[in-house]
Amino acid sequence: PLAIITYGSYANGTNNQNSDYDALLIVSDGEKQHDCSVVDGIVLDIF
């Protein structure tokens, strides 16, 4: 990515065990995508 902006509970420190990791990525080209992978047990909600 050219940029990563995280927001939501992980950004403001209110996350708990059920929280997703929210972030917006800017990339150089391609199509808009959504990533809901799991990393280290944390569900991603990445645009």
ModelCIF file with pLDDT and N, C-alpha, C, O atoms, coordinates in Angstrom:
data_MODEL
#
_entry.id   MODEL 
#
_entity.id                         1 
_entity.type                       polymer 
_entity.pdbx_number_of_molecules   1 
#
_entity_poly.entity_id                      1 
_entity_poly.type                           'polypeptide(L)' 
_entity_poly.nstd_linkage                   no 
_entity_poly.nstd_monomer                   no 
_entity_poly.pdbx_seq_one_letter_code       PLAIITYGSYANGTNNQNSDYDALLIVSDGEKQHDCSVVDGIVLDIF 
_entity_poly.pdbx_seq_one_letter_code_can   PLAIITYGSYANGTNNQNSDYDALLIVSDGEKQHDCSVVDGIVLDIF 
_entity_poly.pdbx_strand_id                 A 
#
loop_
_entity_poly_seq.entity_id 
_entity_poly_seq.num 
_entity_poly_seq.mon_id 
_entity_poly_seq.hetero 
1 1  PRO n 
1 2  LEU n 
1 3  ALA n 
1 4  ILE n 
1 5  ILE n 
1 6  THR n 
1 7  TYR n 
1 8  GLY n 
1 9  SER n 
1 10 TYR n 
1 11 ALA n 
1 12 ASN n 
1 13 GLY n 
1 14 THR n 
1 15 ASN n 
1 16 ASN n 
1 17 GLN n 
1 18 ASN n 
1 19 SER n 
1 20 ASP n 
1 21 TYR n 
1 22 ASP n 
1 23 ALA n 
1 24 LEU n 
1 25 LEU n 
1 26 ILE n 
1 27 VAL n 
1 28 SER n 
1 29 ASP n 
1 30 GLY n 
1 31 GLU n 
1 32 LYS n 
1 33 GLN n 
1 34 HIS n 
1 35 ASP n 
1 36 CYS n 
1 37 SER n 
1 38 VAL n 
1 39 VAL n 
1 40 ASP n 
1 41 GLY n 
1 42 ILE n 
1 43 VAL n 
1 44 LEU n 
1 45 ASP n 
1 46 ILE n 
1 47 PHE n 
#
_struct_asym.id          A 
_struct_asym.entity_id   1 
#
loop_
_ma_qa_metric.id 
_ma_qa_metric.mode 
_ma_qa_metric.name 
_ma_qa_metric.software_group_id 
_ma_qa_metric.type 
1 global pLDDT . pLDDT 
2 local  pLDDT . pLDDT 
#
_ma_qa_metric_global.metric_id      1 
_ma_qa_metric_global.metric_value   92.98 
_ma_qa_metric_global.model_id       1 
_ma_qa_metric_global.ordinal_id     1 
#
loop_
_ma_qa_metric_local.label_asym_id 
_ma_qa_metric_local.label_comp_id 
_ma_qa_metric_local.label_seq_id 
_ma_qa_metric_local.metric_id 
_ma_qa_metric_local.metric_value 
_ma_qa_metric_local.model_id 
_ma_qa_metric_local.ordinal_id 
A PRO 1  2 98.00 1 1  
A LEU 2  2 98.00 1 2  
A ALA 3  2 98.00 1 3  
A ILE 4  2 98.00 1 4  
A ILE 5  2 98.00 1 5  
A THR 6  2 96.00 1 6  
A TYR 7  2 94.00 1 7  
A GLY 8  2 88.00 1 8  
A SER 9  2 87.00 1 9  
A TYR 10 2 88.00 1 10 
A ALA 11 2 88.00 1 11 
A ASN 12 2 84.00 1 12 
A GLY 13 2 83.00 1 13 
A THR 14 2 81.00 1 14 
A ASN 15 2 83.00 1 15 
A ASN 16 2 82.00 1 16 
A GLN 17 2 81.00 1 17 
A ASN 18 2 83.00 1 18 
A SER 19 2 87.00 1 19 
A ASP 20 2 92.00 1 20 
A TYR 21 2 94.00 1 21 
A ASP 22 2 95.00 1 22 
A ALA 23 2 97.00 1 23 
A LEU 24 2 98.00 1 24 
A LEU 25 2 98.00 1 25 
A ILE 26 2 98.00 1 26 
A VAL 27 2 98.00 1 27 
A SER 28 2 96.00 1 28 
A ASP 29 2 95.00 1 29 
A GLY 30 2 94.00 1 30 
A GLU 31 2 95.00 1 31 
A LYS 32 2 96.00 1 32 
A GLN 33 2 96.00 1 33 
A HIS 34 2 97.00 1 34 
A ASP 35 2 97.00 1 35 
A CYS 36 2 96.00 1 36 
A SER 37 2 96.00 1 37 
A VAL 38 2 96.00 1 38 
A VAL 39 2 94.00 1 39 
A ASP 40 2 91.00 1 40 
A GLY 41 2 91.00 1 41 
A ILE 42 2 93.00 1 42 
A VAL 43 2 95.00 1 43 
A LEU 44 2 96.00 1 44 
A ASP 45 2 96.00 1 45 
A ILE 46 2 97.00 1 46 
A PHE 47 2 98.00 1 47 
#
loop_
_atom_site.group_PDB 
_atom_site.id 
_atom_site.type_symbol 
_atom_site.label_atom_id 
_atom_site.label_alt_id 
_atom_site.label_comp_id 
_atom_site.label_asym_id 
_atom_site.label_entity_id 
_atom_site.label_seq_id 
_atom_site.pdbx_PDB_ins_code 
_atom_site.Cartn_x 
_atom_site.Cartn_y 
_atom_site.Cartn_z 
_atom_site.occupancy 
_atom_site.B_iso_or_equiv 
_atom_site.pdbx_formal_charge 
_atom_site.auth_seq_id 
_atom_site.auth_comp_id 
_atom_site.auth_asym_id 
_atom_site.auth_atom_id 
_atom_site.pdbx_PDB_model_num 
ATOM 1   N N  . PRO A 1 1  ? 0.803   -1.228  0.000  1.00 98.00 ? 1  PRO A N  1 
ATOM 2   C CA . PRO A 1 1  ? 0.000   0.000   0.000  1.00 98.00 ? 1  PRO A CA 1 
ATOM 3   C C  . PRO A 1 1  ? 0.837   1.280   0.000  1.00 98.00 ? 1  PRO A C  1 
ATOM 4   O O  . PRO A 1 1  ? 1.970   1.310   0.480  1.00 98.00 ? 1  PRO A O  1 
ATOM 5   N N  . LEU A 1 2  ? 0.242   2.323   -0.551 1.00 98.00 ? 2  LEU A N  1 
ATOM 6   C CA . LEU A 1 2  ? 0.811   3.665   -0.444 1.00 98.00 ? 2  LEU A CA 1 
ATOM 7   C C  . LEU A 1 2  ? 0.486   4.246   0.927  1.00 98.00 ? 2  LEU A C  1 
ATOM 8   O O  . LEU A 1 2  ? 1.255   5.035   1.475  1.00 98.00 ? 2  LEU A O  1 
ATOM 9   N N  . ALA A 1 3  ? -0.662  3.848   1.475  1.00 98.00 ? 3  ALA A N  1 
ATOM 10  C CA . ALA A 1 3  ? -1.087  4.376   2.774  1.00 98.00 ? 3  ALA A CA 1 
ATOM 11  C C  . ALA A 1 3  ? -1.933  3.348   3.507  1.00 98.00 ? 3  ALA A C  1 
ATOM 12  O O  . ALA A 1 3  ? -2.667  2.573   2.894  1.00 98.00 ? 3  ALA A O  1 
ATOM 13  N N  . ILE A 1 4  ? -1.819  3.357   4.827  1.00 98.00 ? 4  ILE A N  1 
ATOM 14  C CA . ILE A 1 4  ? -2.660  2.545   5.706  1.00 98.00 ? 4  ILE A CA 1 
ATOM 15  C C  . ILE A 1 4  ? -3.234  3.467   6.768  1.00 98.00 ? 4  ILE A C  1 
ATOM 16  O O  . ILE A 1 4  ? -2.493  4.128   7.497  1.00 98.00 ? 4  ILE A O  1 
ATOM 17  N N  . ILE A 1 5  ? -4.561  3.509   6.851  1.00 98.00 ? 5  ILE A N  1 
ATOM 18  C CA . ILE A 1 5  ? -5.235  4.286   7.900  1.00 98.00 ? 5  ILE A CA 1 
ATOM 19  C C  . ILE A 1 5  ? -6.098  3.323   8.697  1.00 98.00 ? 5  ILE A C  1 
ATOM 20  O O  . ILE A 1 5  ? -7.061  2.764   8.172  1.00 98.00 ? 5  ILE A O  1 
ATOM 21  N N  . THR A 1 6  ? -5.759  3.131   9.954  1.00 96.00 ? 6  THR A N  1 
ATOM 22  C CA . THR A 1 6  ? -6.573  2.260   10.812 1.00 96.00 ? 6  THR A CA 1 
ATOM 23  C C  . THR A 1 6  ? -7.557  3.116   11.598 1.00 96.00 ? 6  THR A C  1 
ATOM 24  O O  . THR A 1 6  ? -7.244  4.242   11.986 1.00 96.00 ? 6  THR A O  1 
ATOM 25  N N  . TYR A 1 7  ? -8.744  2.574   11.829 1.00 94.00 ? 7  TYR A N  1 
ATOM 26  C CA . TYR A 1 7  ? -9.789  3.321   12.537 1.00 94.00 ? 7  TYR A CA 1 
ATOM 27  C C  . TYR A 1 7  ? -10.608 2.344   13.365 1.00 94.00 ? 7  TYR A C  1 
ATOM 28  O O  . TYR A 1 7  ? -10.393 1.133   13.305 1.00 94.00 ? 7  TYR A O  1 
ATOM 29  N N  . GLY A 1 8  ? -11.539 2.871   14.129 1.00 88.00 ? 8  GLY A N  1 
ATOM 30  C CA . GLY A 1 8  ? -12.364 1.995   14.956 1.00 88.00 ? 8  GLY A CA 1 
ATOM 31  C C  . GLY A 1 8  ? -11.703 1.653   16.274 1.00 88.00 ? 8  GLY A C  1 
ATOM 32  O O  . GLY A 1 8  ? -10.855 2.397   16.767 1.00 88.00 ? 8  GLY A O  1 
ATOM 33  N N  . SER A 1 9  ? -12.097 0.517   16.845 1.00 87.00 ? 9  SER A N  1 
ATOM 34  C CA . SER A 1 9  ? -11.700 0.188   18.211 1.00 87.00 ? 9  SER A CA 1 
ATOM 35  C C  . SER A 1 9  ? -10.198 -0.031  18.386 1.00 87.00 ? 9  SER A C  1 
ATOM 36  O O  . SER A 1 9  ? -9.640  0.324   19.424 1.00 87.00 ? 9  SER A O  1 
ATOM 37  N N  . TYR A 1 10 ? -9.541  -0.608  17.385 1.00 88.00 ? 10 TYR A N  1 
ATOM 38  C CA . TYR A 1 10 ? -8.100  -0.825  17.530 1.00 88.00 ? 10 TYR A CA 1 
ATOM 39  C C  . TYR A 1 10 ? -7.328  0.479   17.415 1.00 88.00 ? 10 TYR A C  1 
ATOM 40  O O  . TYR A 1 10 ? -6.209  0.585   17.917 1.00 88.00 ? 10 TYR A O  1 
ATOM 41  N N  . ALA A 1 11 ? -7.911  1.461   16.765 1.00 88.00 ? 11 ALA A N  1 
ATOM 42  C CA . ALA A 1 11 ? -7.253  2.763   16.646 1.00 88.00 ? 11 ALA A CA 1 
ATOM 43  C C  . ALA A 1 11 ? -7.407  3.582   17.922 1.00 88.00 ? 11 ALA A C  1 
ATOM 44  O O  . ALA A 1 11 ? -6.497  4.319   18.301 1.00 88.00 ? 11 ALA A O  1 
ATOM 45  N N  . ASN A 1 12 ? -8.573  3.454   18.597 1.00 84.00 ? 12 ASN A N  1 
ATOM 46  C CA . ASN A 1 12 ? -8.790  4.282   19.791 1.00 84.00 ? 12 ASN A CA 1 
ATOM 47  C C  . ASN A 1 12 ? -8.613  3.516   21.105 1.00 84.00 ? 12 ASN A C  1 
ATOM 48  O O  . ASN A 1 12 ? -8.842  4.067   22.182 1.00 84.00 ? 12 ASN A O  1 
ATOM 49  N N  . GLY A 1 13 ? -8.208  2.248   21.016 1.00 83.00 ? 13 GLY A N  1 
ATOM 50  C CA . GLY A 1 13 ? -7.894  1.498   22.228 1.00 83.00 ? 13 GLY A CA 1 
ATOM 51  C C  . GLY A 1 13 ? -9.075  0.898   22.943 1.00 83.00 ? 13 GLY A C  1 
ATOM 52  O O  . GLY A 1 13 ? -8.942  0.492   24.098 1.00 83.00 ? 13 GLY A O  1 
ATOM 53  N N  . THR A 1 14 ? -10.241 0.824   22.297 1.00 81.00 ? 14 THR A N  1 
ATOM 54  C CA . THR A 1 14 ? -11.418 0.242   22.951 1.00 81.00 ? 14 THR A CA 1 
ATOM 55  C C  . THR A 1 14 ? -11.693 -1.185  22.481 1.00 81.00 ? 14 THR A C  1 
ATOM 56  O O  . THR A 1 14 ? -12.758 -1.735  22.761 1.00 81.00 ? 14 THR A O  1 
ATOM 57  N N  . ASN A 1 15 ? -10.757 -1.776  21.783 1.00 83.00 ? 15 ASN A N  1 
ATOM 58  C CA . ASN A 1 15 ? -10.947 -3.120  21.247 1.00 83.00 ? 15 ASN A CA 1 
ATOM 59  C C  . ASN A 1 15 ? -11.052 -4.165  22.352 1.00 83.00 ? 15 ASN A C  1 
ATOM 60  O O  . ASN A 1 15 ? -10.508 -4.000  23.444 1.00 83.00 ? 15 ASN A O  1 
ATOM 61  N N  . ASN A 1 16 ? -11.767 -5.246  22.040 1.00 82.00 ? 16 ASN A N  1 
ATOM 62  C CA . ASN A 1 16 ? -11.850 -6.392  22.936 1.00 82.00 ? 16 ASN A CA 1 
ATOM 63  C C  . ASN A 1 16 ? -11.675 -7.662  22.111 1.00 82.00 ? 16 ASN A C  1 
ATOM 64  O O  . ASN A 1 16 ? -11.302 -7.598  20.939 1.00 82.00 ? 16 ASN A O  1 
ATOM 65  N N  . GLN A 1 17 ? -11.939 -8.799  22.712 1.00 81.00 ? 17 GLN A N  1 
ATOM 66  C CA . GLN A 1 17 ? -11.680 -10.062 22.029 1.00 81.00 ? 17 GLN A CA 1 
ATOM 67  C C  . GLN A 1 17 ? -12.563 -10.284 20.803 1.00 81.00 ? 17 GLN A C  1 
ATOM 68  O O  . GLN A 1 17 ? -12.244 -11.118 19.955 1.00 81.00 ? 17 GLN A O  1 
ATOM 69  N N  . ASN A 1 18 ? -13.654 -9.554  20.702 1.00 83.00 ? 18 ASN A N  1 
ATOM 70  C CA . ASN A 1 18 ? -14.560 -9.715  19.561 1.00 83.00 ? 18 ASN A CA 1 
ATOM 71  C C  . ASN A 1 18 ? -14.401 -8.635  18.504 1.00 83.00 ? 18 ASN A C  1 
ATOM 72  O O  . ASN A 1 18 ? -15.155 -8.605  17.531 1.00 83.00 ? 18 ASN A O  1 
ATOM 73  N N  . SER A 1 19 ? -13.438 -7.757  18.680 1.00 87.00 ? 19 SER A N  1 
ATOM 74  C CA . SER A 1 19 ? -13.279 -6.627  17.769 1.00 87.00 ? 19 SER A CA 1 
ATOM 75  C C  . SER A 1 19 ? -12.600 -7.027  16.464 1.00 87.00 ? 19 SER A C  1 
ATOM 76  O O  . SER A 1 19 ? -11.685 -7.850  16.444 1.00 87.00 ? 19 SER A O  1 
ATOM 77  N N  . ASP A 1 20 ? -13.070 -6.426  15.381 1.00 92.00 ? 20 ASP A N  1 
ATOM 78  C CA . ASP A 1 20 ? -12.380 -6.538  14.100 1.00 92.00 ? 20 ASP A CA 1 
ATOM 79  C C  . ASP A 1 20 ? -11.283 -5.478  14.035 1.00 92.00 ? 20 ASP A C  1 
ATOM 80  O O  . ASP A 1 20 ? -11.311 -4.483  14.760 1.00 92.00 ? 20 ASP A O  1 
ATOM 81  N N  . TYR A 1 21 ? -10.327 -5.715  13.156 1.00 94.00 ? 21 TYR A N  1 
ATOM 82  C CA . TYR A 1 21 ? -9.307  -4.698  12.891 1.00 94.00 ? 21 TYR A CA 1 
ATOM 83  C C  . TYR A 1 21 ? -9.724  -3.961  11.626 1.00 94.00 ? 21 TYR A C  1 
ATOM 84  O O  . TYR A 1 21 ? -9.714  -4.524  10.531 1.00 94.00 ? 21 TYR A O  1 
ATOM 85  N N  . ASP A 1 22 ? -10.092 -2.693  11.792 1.00 95.00 ? 22 ASP A N  1 
ATOM 86  C CA . ASP A 1 22 ? -10.592 -1.886  10.677 1.00 95.00 ? 22 ASP A CA 1 
ATOM 87  C C  . ASP A 1 22 ? -9.478  -1.017  10.111 1.00 95.00 ? 22 ASP A C  1 
ATOM 88  O O  . ASP A 1 22 ? -8.731  -0.385  10.858 1.00 95.00 ? 22 ASP A O  1 
ATOM 89  N N  . ALA A 1 23 ? -9.372  -0.990  8.798  1.00 97.00 ? 23 ALA A N  1 
ATOM 90  C CA . ALA A 1 23 ? -8.386  -0.124  8.166  1.00 97.00 ? 23 ALA A CA 1 
ATOM 91  C C  . ALA A 1 23 ? -8.766  0.150   6.722  1.00 97.00 ? 23 ALA A C  1 
ATOM 92  O O  . ALA A 1 23 ? -9.481  -0.626  6.089  1.00 97.00 ? 23 ALA A O  1 
ATOM 93  N N  . LEU A 1 24 ? -8.273  1.265   6.221  1.00 98.00 ? 24 LEU A N  1 
ATOM 94  C CA . LEU A 1 24 ? -8.410  1.620   4.819  1.00 98.00 ? 24 LEU A CA 1 
ATOM 95  C C  . LEU A 1 24 ? -7.017  1.683   4.217  1.00 98.00 ? 24 LEU A C  1 
ATOM 96  O O  . LEU A 1 24 ? -6.120  2.329   4.758  1.00 98.00 ? 24 LEU A O  1 
ATOM 97  N N  . LEU A 1 25 ? -6.848  1.012   3.103  1.00 98.00 ? 25 LEU A N  1 
ATOM 98  C CA . LEU A 1 25 ? -5.570  1.015   2.397  1.00 98.00 ? 25 LEU A CA 1 
ATOM 99  C C  . LEU A 1 25 ? -5.723  1.744   1.074  1.00 98.00 ? 25 LEU A C  1 
ATOM 100 O O  . LEU A 1 25 ? -6.754  1.636   0.411  1.00 98.00 ? 25 LEU A O  1 
ATOM 101 N N  . ILE A 1 26 ? -4.713  2.472   0.703  1.00 98.00 ? 26 ILE A N  1 
ATOM 102 C CA . ILE A 1 26 ? -4.640  3.088   -0.621 1.00 98.00 ? 26 ILE A CA 1 
ATOM 103 C C  . ILE A 1 26 ? -3.501  2.412   -1.374 1.00 98.00 ? 26 ILE A C  1 
ATOM 104 O O  . ILE A 1 26 ? -2.369  2.357   -0.893 1.00 98.00 ? 26 ILE A O  1 
ATOM 105 N N  . VAL A 1 27 ? -3.814  1.900   -2.556 1.00 98.00 ? 27 VAL A N  1 
ATOM 106 C CA . VAL A 1 27 ? -2.809  1.232   -3.376 1.00 98.00 ? 27 VAL A CA 1 
ATOM 107 C C  . VAL A 1 27 ? -2.671  1.990   -4.694 1.00 98.00 ? 27 VAL A C  1 
ATOM 108 O O  . VAL A 1 27 ? -3.512  2.824   -5.028 1.00 98.00 ? 27 VAL A O  1 
ATOM 109 N N  . SER A 1 28 ? -1.618  1.700   -5.431 1.00 96.00 ? 28 SER A N  1 
ATOM 110 C CA . SER A 1 28 ? -1.320  2.487   -6.632 1.00 96.00 ? 28 SER A CA 1 
ATOM 111 C C  . SER A 1 28 ? -2.335  2.282   -7.755 1.00 96.00 ? 28 SER A C  1 
ATOM 112 O O  . SER A 1 28 ? -2.681  3.234   -8.455 1.00 96.00 ? 28 SER A O  1 
ATOM 113 N N  . ASP A 1 29 ? -2.816  1.051   -7.936 1.00 95.00 ? 29 ASP A N  1 
ATOM 114 C CA . ASP A 1 29 ? -3.782  0.792   -9.009 1.00 95.00 ? 29 ASP A CA 1 
ATOM 115 C C  . ASP A 1 29 ? -4.583  -0.467  -8.691 1.00 95.00 ? 29 ASP A C  1 
ATOM 116 O O  . ASP A 1 29 ? -4.465  -1.036  -7.605 1.00 95.00 ? 29 ASP A O  1 
ATOM 117 N N  . GLY A 1 30 ? -5.396  -0.892  -9.652 1.00 94.00 ? 30 GLY A N  1 
ATOM 118 C CA . GLY A 1 30 ? -6.230  -2.070  -9.444 1.00 94.00 ? 30 GLY A CA 1 
ATOM 119 C C  . GLY A 1 30 ? -7.666  -1.710  -9.159 1.00 94.00 ? 30 GLY A C  1 
ATOM 120 O O  . GLY A 1 30 ? -8.103  -0.601  -9.466 1.00 94.00 ? 30 GLY A O  1 
ATOM 121 N N  . GLU A 1 31 ? -8.411  -2.639  -8.572 1.00 95.00 ? 31 GLU A N  1 
ATOM 122 C CA . GLU A 1 31 ? -9.818  -2.453  -8.252 1.00 95.00 ? 31 GLU A CA 1 
ATOM 123 C C  . GLU A 1 31 ? -10.007 -2.357  -6.731 1.00 95.00 ? 31 GLU A C  1 
ATOM 124 O O  . GLU A 1 31 ? -9.155  -2.787  -5.953 1.00 95.00 ? 31 GLU A O  1 
ATOM 125 N N  . LYS A 1 32 ? -11.134 -1.788  -6.338 1.00 96.00 ? 32 LYS A N  1 
ATOM 126 C CA . LYS A 1 32 ? -11.477 -1.751  -4.925 1.00 96.00 ? 32 LYS A CA 1 
ATOM 127 C C  . LYS A 1 32 ? -11.662 -3.178  -4.423 1.00 96.00 ? 32 LYS A C  1 
ATOM 128 O O  . LYS A 1 32 ? -12.274 -4.005  -5.098 1.00 96.00 ? 32 LYS A O  1 
ATOM 129 N N  . GLN A 1 33 ? -11.127 -3.466  -3.228 1.00 96.00 ? 33 GLN A N  1 
ATOM 130 C CA . GLN A 1 33 ? -11.217 -4.806  -2.649 1.00 96.00 ? 33 GLN A CA 1 
ATOM 131 C C  . GLN A 1 33 ? -11.618 -4.727  -1.180 1.00 96.00 ? 33 GLN A C  1 
ATOM 132 O O  . GLN A 1 33 ? -11.554 -3.672  -0.549 1.00 96.00 ? 33 GLN A O  1 
ATOM 133 N N  . HIS A 1 34 ? -12.031 -5.874  -0.661 1.00 97.00 ? 34 HIS A N  1 
ATOM 134 C CA . HIS A 1 34 ? -12.342 -5.991  0.768  1.00 97.00 ? 34 HIS A CA 1 
ATOM 135 C C  . HIS A 1 34 ? -11.693 -7.257  1.289  1.00 97.00 ? 34 HIS A C  1 
ATOM 136 O O  . HIS A 1 34 ? -11.904 -8.335  0.734  1.00 97.00 ? 34 HIS A O  1 
ATOM 137 N N  . ASP A 1 35 ? -10.904 -7.141  2.351  1.00 97.00 ? 35 ASP A N  1 
ATOM 138 C CA . ASP A 1 35 ? -10.184 -8.271  2.923  1.00 97.00 ? 35 ASP A CA 1 
ATOM 139 C C  . ASP A 1 35 ? -10.729 -8.555  4.321  1.00 97.00 ? 35 ASP A C  1 
ATOM 140 O O  . ASP A 1 35 ? -10.662 -7.701  5.205  1.00 97.00 ? 35 ASP A O  1 
ATOM 141 N N  . CYS A 1 36 ? -11.265 -9.750  4.516  1.00 96.00 ? 36 CYS A N  1 
ATOM 142 C CA . CYS A 1 36 ? -11.777 -10.145 5.833  1.00 96.00 ? 36 CYS A CA 1 
ATOM 143 C C  . CYS A 1 36 ? -11.011 -11.369 6.346  1.00 96.00 ? 36 CYS A C  1 
ATOM 144 O O  . CYS A 1 36 ? -11.579 -12.244 6.998  1.00 96.00 ? 36 CYS A O  1 
ATOM 145 N N  . SER A 1 37 ? -9.723  -11.411 6.040  1.00 96.00 ? 37 SER A N  1 
ATOM 146 C CA . SER A 1 37 ? -8.874  -12.506 6.501  1.00 96.00 ? 37 SER A CA 1 
ATOM 147 C C  . SER A 1 37 ? -8.730  -12.475 8.017  1.00 96.00 ? 37 SER A C  1 
ATOM 148 O O  . SER A 1 37 ? -9.128  -11.514 8.675  1.00 96.00 ? 37 SER A O  1 
ATOM 149 N N  . VAL A 1 38 ? -8.151  -13.548 8.561  1.00 96.00 ? 38 VAL A N  1 
ATOM 150 C CA . VAL A 1 38 ? -7.872  -13.628 9.996  1.00 96.00 ? 38 VAL A CA 1 
ATOM 151 C C  . VAL A 1 38 ? -6.365  -13.702 10.181 1.00 96.00 ? 38 VAL A C  1 
ATOM 152 O O  . VAL A 1 38 ? -5.706  -14.571 9.609  1.00 96.00 ? 38 VAL A O  1 
ATOM 153 N N  . VAL A 1 39 ? -5.821  -12.794 10.977 1.00 94.00 ? 39 VAL A N  1 
ATOM 154 C CA . VAL A 1 39 ? -4.392  -12.765 11.273 1.00 94.00 ? 39 VAL A CA 1 
ATOM 155 C C  . VAL A 1 39 ? -4.208  -12.867 12.780 1.00 94.00 ? 39 VAL A C  1 
ATOM 156 O O  . VAL A 1 39 ? -4.684  -12.012 13.527 1.00 94.00 ? 39 VAL A O  1 
ATOM 157 N N  . ASP A 1 40 ? -3.526  -13.902 13.222 1.00 91.00 ? 40 ASP A N  1 
ATOM 158 C CA . ASP A 1 40 ? -3.302  -14.114 14.655 1.00 91.00 ? 40 ASP A CA 1 
ATOM 159 C C  . ASP A 1 40 ? -4.609  -14.115 15.442 1.00 91.00 ? 40 ASP A C  1 
ATOM 160 O O  . ASP A 1 40 ? -4.674  -13.608 16.562 1.00 91.00 ? 40 ASP A O  1 
ATOM 161 N N  . GLY A 1 41 ? -5.646  -14.692 14.842 1.00 91.00 ? 41 GLY A N  1 
ATOM 162 C CA . GLY A 1 41 ? -6.933  -14.787 15.516 1.00 91.00 ? 41 GLY A CA 1 
ATOM 163 C C  . GLY A 1 41 ? -7.768  -13.525 15.456 1.00 91.00 ? 41 GLY A C  1 
ATOM 164 O O  . GLY A 1 41 ? -8.867  -13.494 16.010 1.00 91.00 ? 41 GLY A O  1 
ATOM 165 N N  . ILE A 1 42 ? -7.283  -12.489 14.805 1.00 93.00 ? 42 ILE A N  1 
ATOM 166 C CA . ILE A 1 42 ? -8.003  -11.219 14.704 1.00 93.00 ? 42 ILE A CA 1 
ATOM 167 C C  . ILE A 1 42 ? -8.615  -11.104 13.317 1.00 93.00 ? 42 ILE A C  1 
ATOM 168 O O  . ILE A 1 42 ? -7.920  -11.222 12.307 1.00 93.00 ? 42 ILE A O  1 
ATOM 169 N N  . VAL A 1 43 ? -9.917  -10.873 13.277 1.00 95.00 ? 43 VAL A N  1 
ATOM 170 C CA . VAL A 1 43 ? -10.614 -10.743 12.000 1.00 95.00 ? 43 VAL A CA 1 
ATOM 171 C C  . VAL A 1 43 ? -10.354 -9.357  11.420 1.00 95.00 ? 43 VAL A C  1 
ATOM 172 O O  . VAL A 1 43 ? -10.529 -8.346  12.100 1.00 95.00 ? 43 VAL A O  1 
ATOM 173 N N  . LEU A 1 44 ? -9.937  -9.321  10.169 1.00 96.00 ? 44 LEU A N  1 
ATOM 174 C CA . LEU A 1 44 ? -9.680  -8.053  9.500  1.00 96.00 ? 44 LEU A CA 1 
ATOM 175 C C  . LEU A 1 44 ? -10.937 -7.550  8.797  1.00 96.00 ? 44 LEU A C  1 
ATOM 176 O O  . LEU A 1 44 ? -11.748 -8.336  8.308  1.00 96.00 ? 44 LEU A O  1 
ATOM 177 N N  . ASP A 1 45 ? -11.083 -6.247  8.757  1.00 96.00 ? 45 ASP A N  1 
ATOM 178 C CA . ASP A 1 45 ? -12.138 -5.591  7.984  1.00 96.00 ? 45 ASP A CA 1 
ATOM 179 C C  . ASP A 1 45 ? -11.452 -4.464  7.231  1.00 96.00 ? 45 ASP A C  1 
ATOM 180 O O  . ASP A 1 45 ? -11.496 -3.304  7.641  1.00 96.00 ? 45 ASP A O  1 
ATOM 181 N N  . ILE A 1 46 ? -10.818 -4.824  6.126  1.00 97.00 ? 46 ILE A N  1 
ATOM 182 C CA . ILE A 1 46 ? -9.925  -3.926  5.412  1.00 97.00 ? 46 ILE A CA 1 
ATOM 183 C C  . ILE A 1 46 ? -10.514 -3.563  4.057  1.00 97.00 ? 46 ILE A C  1 
ATOM 184 O O  . ILE A 1 46 ? -10.898 -4.440  3.283  1.00 97.00 ? 46 ILE A O  1 
ATOM 185 N N  . PHE A 1 47 ? -10.585 -2.272  3.774  1.00 98.00 ? 47 PHE A N  1 
ATOM 186 C CA . PHE A 1 47 ? -11.032 -1.800  2.470  1.00 98.00 ? 47 PHE A CA 1 
ATOM 187 C C  . PHE A 1 47 ? -9.828  -1.255  1.716  1.00 98.00 ? 47 PHE A C  1 
ATOM 188 O O  . PHE A 1 47 ? -9.965  -0.797  0.582  1.00 98.00 ? 47 PHE A O  1 
#
